Amino acid sequence: MSEPSAPEPVPVARLRAEHAEAIHEVVHDRGEWTVIVDPAQIVAVCRFLRDDARTQMVFPVDVCAIHWMDRPWEYEVVYHLYSFLLNERIRLKCRVGSAGRIASVTSVFPGADWHEREAYDLVGVRFDGHPDLRRILMPEDYDAHPLRRDFPVKGY
């Protein structure tokens, strides 16, 4: 649901102005802004938000993944970014197909390293170009991803 009366924050307006081709949808709901981004453009969008003098989204608060079984896309990768300059947050979402692959943003935000590893470990999304994509919470020889929707509630 979109709330048209809310003024668009600077990061969203800057994305619309500079990377309109990368945006699939912008949603404002309950005071939070979400930008649905083309997965092929996520590194460029993150780099722009970090480097743009008017946004300076320099802090990757979180990177996580969601496994869906009832949607046209199987995975969603969610990025929460923060700007100290603006004291604003933005949520970026990438809808990823059944292959569950997306480019790593560690070249833009080195701090996203562990977040991407956790998303891989628990949900199974693979981050192409990640410097050390291996399990972080589960044993290395564990063959499942416990936060996937098809994982048995009581385990194997």
N, C-alpha and C. Protein backbone atom coordinates (compact mmCIF):
# COMPACT_ATOMS: atom_id res chain seq x y z
N MET A 1 0.85 -1.17 0.00
CA MET A 1 0.00 0.00 0.00
C MET A 1 0.90 1.23 0.00
N SER A 2 0.58 2.17 -0.81
CA SER A 2 1.38 3.38 -0.92
C SER A 2 0.66 4.54 -0.26
N GLU A 3 1.42 5.38 0.39
CA GLU A 3 0.86 6.57 1.04
C GLU A 3 1.34 7.79 0.28
N PRO A 4 0.58 8.28 -0.70
CA PRO A 4 1.07 9.36 -1.56
C PRO A 4 1.28 10.68 -0.86
N SER A 5 0.68 10.91 0.29
CA SER A 5 0.81 12.19 0.96
C SER A 5 2.15 12.38 1.67
N ALA A 6 2.87 11.30 1.92
CA ALA A 6 4.15 11.40 2.61
C ALA A 6 5.22 11.93 1.66
N PRO A 7 6.00 12.91 2.11
CA PRO A 7 7.07 13.43 1.24
C PRO A 7 8.16 12.37 1.05
N GLU A 8 8.62 12.25 -0.17
CA GLU A 8 9.64 11.26 -0.49
C GLU A 8 10.97 11.68 0.11
N PRO A 9 11.66 10.78 0.83
CA PRO A 9 12.96 11.14 1.40
C PRO A 9 14.00 11.33 0.31
N VAL A 10 15.08 11.99 0.65
CA VAL A 10 16.14 12.31 -0.30
C VAL A 10 16.69 11.06 -1.00
N PRO A 11 17.00 9.96 -0.29
CA PRO A 11 17.57 8.80 -0.99
C PRO A 11 16.63 8.24 -2.06
N VAL A 12 15.35 8.20 -1.81
CA VAL A 12 14.40 7.69 -2.79
C VAL A 12 14.33 8.63 -3.98
N ALA A 13 14.25 9.92 -3.73
CA ALA A 13 14.20 10.91 -4.81
C ALA A 13 15.47 10.86 -5.65
N ARG A 14 16.62 10.72 -5.02
CA ARG A 14 17.89 10.64 -5.76
C ARG A 14 17.95 9.37 -6.60
N LEU A 15 17.46 8.26 -6.06
CA LEU A 15 17.42 7.02 -6.85
C LEU A 15 16.52 7.18 -8.06
N ARG A 16 15.36 7.77 -7.87
CA ARG A 16 14.45 7.99 -9.00
C ARG A 16 15.11 8.86 -10.07
N ALA A 17 15.87 9.87 -9.64
CA ALA A 17 16.49 10.79 -10.58
C ALA A 17 17.68 10.16 -11.33
N GLU A 18 18.46 9.36 -10.63
CA GLU A 18 19.71 8.85 -11.20
C GLU A 18 19.69 7.39 -11.64
N HIS A 19 18.80 6.60 -11.08
CA HIS A 19 18.76 5.16 -11.41
C HIS A 19 17.32 4.68 -11.61
N ALA A 20 16.53 5.44 -12.32
CA ALA A 20 15.12 5.08 -12.54
C ALA A 20 14.99 3.72 -13.20
N GLU A 21 15.93 3.35 -14.07
CA GLU A 21 15.86 2.07 -14.78
C GLU A 21 16.04 0.88 -13.83
N ALA A 22 16.62 1.12 -12.67
CA ALA A 22 16.87 0.04 -11.71
C ALA A 22 15.71 -0.17 -10.75
N ILE A 23 14.75 0.74 -10.74
CA ILE A 23 13.65 0.68 -9.78
C ILE A 23 12.43 0.02 -10.40
N HIS A 24 11.94 -1.02 -9.74
CA HIS A 24 10.70 -1.68 -10.17
C HIS A 24 9.49 -1.06 -9.49
N GLU A 25 9.67 -0.65 -8.23
CA GLU A 25 8.54 -0.15 -7.45
C GLU A 25 9.07 0.58 -6.21
N VAL A 26 8.32 1.57 -5.76
CA VAL A 26 8.62 2.27 -4.51
C VAL A 26 7.38 2.18 -3.64
N VAL A 27 7.56 1.74 -2.41
CA VAL A 27 6.43 1.55 -1.49
C VAL A 27 6.69 2.33 -0.21
N HIS A 28 5.68 3.08 0.22
CA HIS A 28 5.75 3.75 1.52
C HIS A 28 4.60 3.20 2.35
N ASP A 29 4.94 2.53 3.42
CA ASP A 29 3.92 1.90 4.26
C ASP A 29 4.33 2.02 5.72
N ARG A 30 3.43 2.55 6.52
CA ARG A 30 3.67 2.68 7.96
C ARG A 30 4.95 3.44 8.27
N GLY A 31 5.21 4.47 7.50
CA GLY A 31 6.36 5.33 7.75
C GLY A 31 7.69 4.81 7.25
N GLU A 32 7.69 3.68 6.54
CA GLU A 32 8.94 3.11 6.06
C GLU A 32 8.94 3.07 4.53
N TRP A 33 10.09 3.35 3.95
CA TRP A 33 10.25 3.37 2.51
C TRP A 33 10.98 2.12 2.03
N THR A 34 10.42 1.48 1.01
CA THR A 34 11.03 0.31 0.41
C THR A 34 11.13 0.54 -1.09
N VAL A 35 12.30 0.28 -1.62
CA VAL A 35 12.51 0.39 -3.06
C VAL A 35 12.81 -1.01 -3.59
N ILE A 36 11.97 -1.47 -4.51
CA ILE A 36 12.19 -2.77 -5.15
C ILE A 36 13.14 -2.51 -6.31
N VAL A 37 14.32 -3.14 -6.24
CA VAL A 37 15.41 -2.88 -7.17
C VAL A 37 15.65 -4.09 -8.06
N ASP A 38 16.00 -3.83 -9.30
CA ASP A 38 16.41 -4.89 -10.23
C ASP A 38 17.65 -5.57 -9.66
N PRO A 39 17.63 -6.88 -9.45
CA PRO A 39 18.79 -7.57 -8.85
C PRO A 39 20.09 -7.35 -9.62
N ALA A 40 20.01 -7.19 -10.92
CA ALA A 40 21.22 -6.98 -11.73
C ALA A 40 21.85 -5.62 -11.45
N GLN A 41 21.11 -4.72 -10.82
CA GLN A 41 21.58 -3.35 -10.57
C GLN A 41 21.93 -3.08 -9.10
N ILE A 42 21.85 -4.09 -8.23
CA ILE A 42 21.98 -3.83 -6.80
C ILE A 42 23.35 -3.24 -6.42
N VAL A 43 24.42 -3.69 -7.04
CA VAL A 43 25.74 -3.16 -6.69
C VAL A 43 25.83 -1.69 -7.11
N ALA A 44 25.37 -1.37 -8.31
CA ALA A 44 25.41 0.02 -8.79
C ALA A 44 24.54 0.92 -7.93
N VAL A 45 23.37 0.45 -7.52
CA VAL A 45 22.47 1.24 -6.68
C VAL A 45 23.10 1.48 -5.31
N CYS A 46 23.66 0.46 -4.72
CA CYS A 46 24.31 0.62 -3.40
C CYS A 46 25.51 1.57 -3.50
N ARG A 47 26.30 1.42 -4.55
CA ARG A 47 27.45 2.31 -4.73
C ARG A 47 26.98 3.76 -4.89
N PHE A 48 25.93 3.97 -5.66
CA PHE A 48 25.41 5.32 -5.84
C PHE A 48 24.93 5.90 -4.50
N LEU A 49 24.15 5.14 -3.75
CA LEU A 49 23.62 5.64 -2.47
C LEU A 49 24.75 5.94 -1.48
N ARG A 50 25.81 5.15 -1.52
CA ARG A 50 26.95 5.38 -0.64
C ARG A 50 27.74 6.62 -1.06
N ASP A 51 28.01 6.76 -2.35
CA ASP A 51 28.91 7.80 -2.84
C ASP A 51 28.24 9.15 -3.11
N ASP A 52 26.93 9.18 -3.29
CA ASP A 52 26.24 10.42 -3.58
C ASP A 52 26.35 11.37 -2.39
N ALA A 53 26.81 12.59 -2.65
CA ALA A 53 27.03 13.56 -1.58
C ALA A 53 25.74 13.94 -0.86
N ARG A 54 24.59 13.77 -1.52
CA ARG A 54 23.32 14.16 -0.90
C ARG A 54 22.66 13.02 -0.12
N THR A 55 23.15 11.79 -0.28
CA THR A 55 22.53 10.67 0.45
C THR A 55 23.48 10.09 1.50
N GLN A 56 24.70 9.77 1.09
CA GLN A 56 25.71 9.18 1.98
C GLN A 56 25.15 8.03 2.83
N MET A 57 24.53 7.07 2.16
CA MET A 57 24.04 5.88 2.85
C MET A 57 25.25 4.96 3.07
N VAL A 58 26.02 5.24 4.10
CA VAL A 58 27.32 4.60 4.29
C VAL A 58 27.30 3.38 5.22
N PHE A 59 26.19 3.17 5.88
CA PHE A 59 26.15 2.09 6.88
C PHE A 59 25.13 1.01 6.47
N PRO A 60 25.64 -0.19 6.15
CA PRO A 60 24.72 -1.30 5.86
C PRO A 60 24.25 -1.91 7.19
N VAL A 61 23.06 -1.56 7.60
CA VAL A 61 22.53 -2.03 8.88
C VAL A 61 22.33 -3.54 8.85
N ASP A 62 21.80 -4.04 7.73
CA ASP A 62 21.50 -5.46 7.65
C ASP A 62 21.34 -5.87 6.19
N VAL A 63 21.68 -7.12 5.92
CA VAL A 63 21.37 -7.78 4.66
C VAL A 63 20.79 -9.12 5.06
N CYS A 64 19.60 -9.41 4.59
CA CYS A 64 18.97 -10.68 4.94
C CYS A 64 18.23 -11.23 3.73
N ALA A 65 17.77 -12.45 3.84
CA ALA A 65 17.07 -13.08 2.73
C ALA A 65 15.81 -13.77 3.25
N ILE A 66 14.83 -13.86 2.36
CA ILE A 66 13.56 -14.51 2.69
C ILE A 66 13.27 -15.53 1.60
N HIS A 67 12.83 -16.69 2.00
CA HIS A 67 12.43 -17.72 1.05
C HIS A 67 10.91 -17.75 0.98
N TRP A 68 10.38 -17.60 -0.22
CA TRP A 68 8.93 -17.64 -0.42
C TRP A 68 8.58 -18.88 -1.23
N MET A 69 7.45 -19.46 -0.95
CA MET A 69 7.00 -20.62 -1.73
C MET A 69 5.75 -20.29 -2.52
N ASP A 70 5.15 -19.14 -2.25
CA ASP A 70 3.85 -18.84 -2.87
C ASP A 70 3.87 -17.56 -3.71
N ARG A 71 5.03 -17.19 -4.20
CA ARG A 71 5.16 -15.97 -5.00
C ARG A 71 5.86 -16.28 -6.32
N PRO A 72 5.75 -15.40 -7.28
CA PRO A 72 6.43 -15.64 -8.56
C PRO A 72 7.95 -15.70 -8.44
N TRP A 73 8.51 -15.07 -7.41
CA TRP A 73 9.95 -15.15 -7.16
C TRP A 73 10.14 -16.03 -5.93
N GLU A 74 11.24 -16.73 -5.89
CA GLU A 74 11.44 -17.66 -4.77
C GLU A 74 12.16 -17.02 -3.59
N TYR A 75 13.05 -16.09 -3.89
CA TYR A 75 13.83 -15.46 -2.82
C TYR A 75 13.71 -13.94 -2.92
N GLU A 76 13.83 -13.31 -1.77
CA GLU A 76 13.92 -11.86 -1.71
C GLU A 76 15.13 -11.54 -0.84
N VAL A 77 16.02 -10.70 -1.35
CA VAL A 77 17.16 -10.25 -0.57
C VAL A 77 16.89 -8.82 -0.17
N VAL A 78 17.03 -8.53 1.12
CA VAL A 78 16.64 -7.23 1.68
C VAL A 78 17.87 -6.55 2.26
N TYR A 79 18.05 -5.29 1.88
CA TYR A 79 19.18 -4.47 2.34
C TYR A 79 18.62 -3.29 3.11
N HIS A 80 19.10 -3.09 4.33
CA HIS A 80 18.72 -1.92 5.12
C HIS A 80 19.96 -1.02 5.21
N LEU A 81 19.84 0.19 4.68
CA LEU A 81 20.96 1.13 4.68
C LEU A 81 20.61 2.35 5.50
N TYR A 82 21.65 2.98 6.06
CA TYR A 82 21.44 4.14 6.93
C TYR A 82 22.39 5.26 6.53
N SER A 83 21.89 6.49 6.61
CA SER A 83 22.70 7.68 6.36
C SER A 83 22.83 8.46 7.65
N PHE A 84 24.06 8.61 8.14
CA PHE A 84 24.30 9.44 9.32
C PHE A 84 24.04 10.91 8.98
N LEU A 85 24.37 11.30 7.77
CA LEU A 85 24.18 12.67 7.33
C LEU A 85 22.71 13.08 7.42
N LEU A 86 21.82 12.22 6.92
CA LEU A 86 20.39 12.54 6.86
C LEU A 86 19.60 11.98 8.04
N ASN A 87 20.22 11.08 8.79
CA ASN A 87 19.51 10.34 9.83
C ASN A 87 18.27 9.66 9.24
N GLU A 88 18.50 8.98 8.11
CA GLU A 88 17.41 8.28 7.41
C GLU A 88 17.84 6.87 7.06
N ARG A 89 16.83 6.02 6.98
CA ARG A 89 17.03 4.63 6.57
C ARG A 89 16.28 4.39 5.27
N ILE A 90 16.76 3.42 4.52
CA ILE A 90 16.06 3.00 3.33
C ILE A 90 16.17 1.48 3.25
N ARG A 91 15.13 0.86 2.74
CA ARG A 91 15.12 -0.59 2.56
C ARG A 91 15.12 -0.85 1.05
N LEU A 92 16.06 -1.66 0.61
CA LEU A 92 16.10 -2.09 -0.78
C LEU A 92 15.75 -3.57 -0.81
N LYS A 93 14.90 -3.96 -1.76
CA LYS A 93 14.57 -5.38 -1.90
C LYS A 93 14.84 -5.80 -3.33
N CYS A 94 15.41 -6.99 -3.46
CA CYS A 94 15.64 -7.60 -4.77
C CYS A 94 14.91 -8.93 -4.80
N ARG A 95 14.06 -9.08 -5.77
CA ARG A 95 13.34 -10.34 -5.94
C ARG A 95 14.16 -11.22 -6.87
N VAL A 96 14.58 -12.37 -6.32
CA VAL A 96 15.51 -13.25 -7.00
C VAL A 96 14.79 -14.55 -7.34
N GLY A 97 15.04 -15.07 -8.51
CA GLY A 97 14.38 -16.30 -8.97
C GLY A 97 14.82 -17.54 -8.21
N SER A 98 14.44 -18.68 -8.75
CA SER A 98 14.68 -19.95 -8.07
C SER A 98 16.16 -20.31 -7.99
N ALA A 99 17.00 -19.71 -8.81
CA ALA A 99 18.44 -19.98 -8.72
C ALA A 99 19.01 -19.45 -7.41
N GLY A 100 18.38 -18.43 -6.84
CA GLY A 100 18.81 -17.89 -5.55
C GLY A 100 20.19 -17.28 -5.60
N ARG A 101 20.51 -16.54 -6.67
CA ARG A 101 21.82 -15.93 -6.83
C ARG A 101 21.67 -14.43 -7.05
N ILE A 102 22.60 -13.68 -6.44
CA ILE A 102 22.65 -12.23 -6.61
C ILE A 102 24.10 -11.80 -6.38
N ALA A 103 24.48 -10.68 -6.95
CA ALA A 103 25.84 -10.17 -6.76
C ALA A 103 26.06 -9.73 -5.31
N SER A 104 27.25 -9.97 -4.83
CA SER A 104 27.62 -9.53 -3.48
C SER A 104 27.84 -8.02 -3.48
N VAL A 105 27.47 -7.37 -2.39
CA VAL A 105 27.71 -5.93 -2.25
C VAL A 105 28.93 -5.66 -1.34
N THR A 106 29.73 -6.69 -1.09
CA THR A 106 30.90 -6.50 -0.23
C THR A 106 31.93 -5.57 -0.86
N SER A 107 31.92 -5.40 -2.18
CA SER A 107 32.84 -4.45 -2.81
C SER A 107 32.44 -3.02 -2.48
N VAL A 108 31.18 -2.80 -2.16
CA VAL A 108 30.67 -1.47 -1.79
C VAL A 108 30.69 -1.31 -0.27
N PHE A 109 30.17 -2.32 0.42
CA PHE A 109 30.09 -2.31 1.88
C PHE A 109 30.83 -3.53 2.43
N PRO A 110 32.11 -3.41 2.76
CA PRO A 110 32.82 -4.57 3.32
C PRO A 110 32.12 -5.16 4.54
N GLY A 111 31.40 -4.34 5.28
CA GLY A 111 30.68 -4.82 6.47
C GLY A 111 29.52 -5.73 6.16
N ALA A 112 29.13 -5.83 4.90
CA ALA A 112 28.04 -6.73 4.51
C ALA A 112 28.51 -8.18 4.43
N ASP A 113 29.79 -8.41 4.57
CA ASP A 113 30.38 -9.75 4.47
C ASP A 113 29.65 -10.77 5.34
N TRP A 114 29.57 -10.51 6.61
CA TRP A 114 28.97 -11.47 7.54
C TRP A 114 27.46 -11.58 7.34
N HIS A 115 26.82 -10.48 6.99
CA HIS A 115 25.37 -10.52 6.74
C HIS A 115 25.07 -11.44 5.55
N GLU A 116 25.86 -11.32 4.49
CA GLU A 116 25.65 -12.18 3.33
C GLU A 116 25.95 -13.64 3.66
N ARG A 117 26.96 -13.86 4.45
CA ARG A 117 27.25 -15.25 4.86
C ARG A 117 26.10 -15.84 5.65
N GLU A 118 25.51 -15.05 6.53
CA GLU A 118 24.37 -15.53 7.32
C GLU A 118 23.18 -15.83 6.43
N ALA A 119 22.90 -14.95 5.46
CA ALA A 119 21.79 -15.18 4.54
C ALA A 119 22.01 -16.44 3.71
N TYR A 120 23.25 -16.67 3.30
CA TYR A 120 23.58 -17.89 2.58
C TYR A 120 23.38 -19.11 3.48
N ASP A 121 23.90 -19.04 4.67
CA ASP A 121 23.86 -20.17 5.59
C ASP A 121 22.44 -20.56 5.96
N LEU A 122 21.62 -19.59 6.29
CA LEU A 122 20.29 -19.90 6.82
C LEU A 122 19.20 -20.02 5.75
N VAL A 123 19.36 -19.30 4.63
CA VAL A 123 18.30 -19.32 3.61
C VAL A 123 18.76 -19.97 2.31
N GLY A 124 20.05 -19.90 2.02
CA GLY A 124 20.56 -20.57 0.83
C GLY A 124 20.81 -19.66 -0.36
N VAL A 125 20.69 -18.35 -0.20
CA VAL A 125 20.97 -17.43 -1.30
C VAL A 125 22.48 -17.36 -1.49
N ARG A 126 22.92 -17.46 -2.74
CA ARG A 126 24.34 -17.38 -3.07
C ARG A 126 24.67 -15.97 -3.55
N PHE A 127 25.74 -15.41 -2.99
CA PHE A 127 26.17 -14.06 -3.33
C PHE A 127 27.41 -14.16 -4.22
N ASP A 128 27.20 -13.94 -5.51
CA ASP A 128 28.29 -14.05 -6.48
C ASP A 128 29.34 -12.97 -6.23
N GLY A 129 30.60 -13.37 -6.19
CA GLY A 129 31.69 -12.45 -5.95
C GLY A 129 32.02 -12.23 -4.48
N HIS A 130 31.32 -12.94 -3.61
CA HIS A 130 31.62 -12.81 -2.18
C HIS A 130 33.01 -13.36 -1.90
N PRO A 131 33.82 -12.69 -1.08
CA PRO A 131 35.20 -13.14 -0.87
C PRO A 131 35.35 -14.44 -0.06
N ASP A 132 34.34 -14.82 0.72
CA ASP A 132 34.49 -16.01 1.57
C ASP A 132 33.11 -16.58 1.90
N LEU A 133 32.36 -16.99 0.90
CA LEU A 133 30.99 -17.45 1.13
C LEU A 133 31.01 -18.88 1.66
N ARG A 134 30.92 -19.00 2.95
CA ARG A 134 30.84 -20.30 3.61
C ARG A 134 29.94 -20.15 4.83
N ARG A 135 29.58 -21.25 5.39
CA ARG A 135 28.67 -21.24 6.54
C ARG A 135 29.26 -20.45 7.69
N ILE A 136 28.36 -19.81 8.45
CA ILE A 136 28.80 -18.98 9.56
C ILE A 136 28.17 -19.44 10.89
N LEU A 137 26.99 -20.07 10.82
CA LEU A 137 26.30 -20.53 12.03
C LEU A 137 26.14 -22.05 12.08
N MET A 138 25.84 -22.65 10.94
CA MET A 138 25.62 -24.09 10.89
C MET A 138 26.94 -24.80 10.60
N PRO A 139 27.05 -26.07 10.94
CA PRO A 139 28.28 -26.82 10.65
C PRO A 139 28.56 -26.81 9.14
N GLU A 140 29.82 -26.82 8.77
CA GLU A 140 30.21 -26.74 7.36
C GLU A 140 29.62 -27.87 6.52
N ASP A 141 29.45 -29.05 7.12
CA ASP A 141 28.93 -30.19 6.36
C ASP A 141 27.40 -30.31 6.40
N TYR A 142 26.72 -29.35 7.01
CA TYR A 142 25.26 -29.37 7.08
C TYR A 142 24.71 -29.12 5.69
N ASP A 143 23.74 -29.92 5.25
CA ASP A 143 23.29 -29.86 3.86
C ASP A 143 21.94 -29.17 3.67
N ALA A 144 21.48 -28.40 4.64
CA ALA A 144 20.18 -27.73 4.51
C ALA A 144 20.30 -26.28 4.94
N HIS A 145 19.22 -25.55 4.74
CA HIS A 145 19.16 -24.13 5.13
C HIS A 145 17.93 -23.96 6.01
N PRO A 146 18.11 -23.83 7.32
CA PRO A 146 17.00 -23.91 8.27
C PRO A 146 15.95 -22.80 8.22
N LEU A 147 16.20 -21.68 7.55
CA LEU A 147 15.16 -20.65 7.47
C LEU A 147 14.40 -20.68 6.16
N ARG A 148 14.60 -21.72 5.38
CA ARG A 148 13.78 -21.89 4.17
C ARG A 148 12.39 -22.37 4.58
N ARG A 149 11.42 -21.96 3.84
CA ARG A 149 10.02 -22.32 4.16
C ARG A 149 9.75 -23.81 4.03
N ASP A 150 10.54 -24.51 3.23
CA ASP A 150 10.32 -25.95 3.06
C ASP A 150 11.14 -26.78 4.06
N PHE A 151 11.84 -26.13 4.98
CA PHE A 151 12.58 -26.85 6.02
C PHE A 151 11.59 -27.38 7.05
N PRO A 152 11.68 -28.67 7.43
CA PRO A 152 10.74 -29.22 8.41
C PRO A 152 10.82 -28.50 9.77
N VAL A 153 9.69 -28.21 10.33
CA VAL A 153 9.62 -27.46 11.61
C VAL A 153 10.44 -28.15 12.69
N LYS A 154 10.40 -29.44 12.75
CA LYS A 154 11.13 -30.17 13.79
C LYS A 154 12.51 -30.61 13.32
N GLY A 155 12.96 -30.12 12.17
CA GLY A 155 14.27 -30.50 11.65
C GLY A 155 14.22 -31.85 10.97
N TYR A 156 15.39 -32.30 10.56
CA TYR A 156 15.47 -33.60 9.88
C TYR A 156 15.72 -34.70 10.89
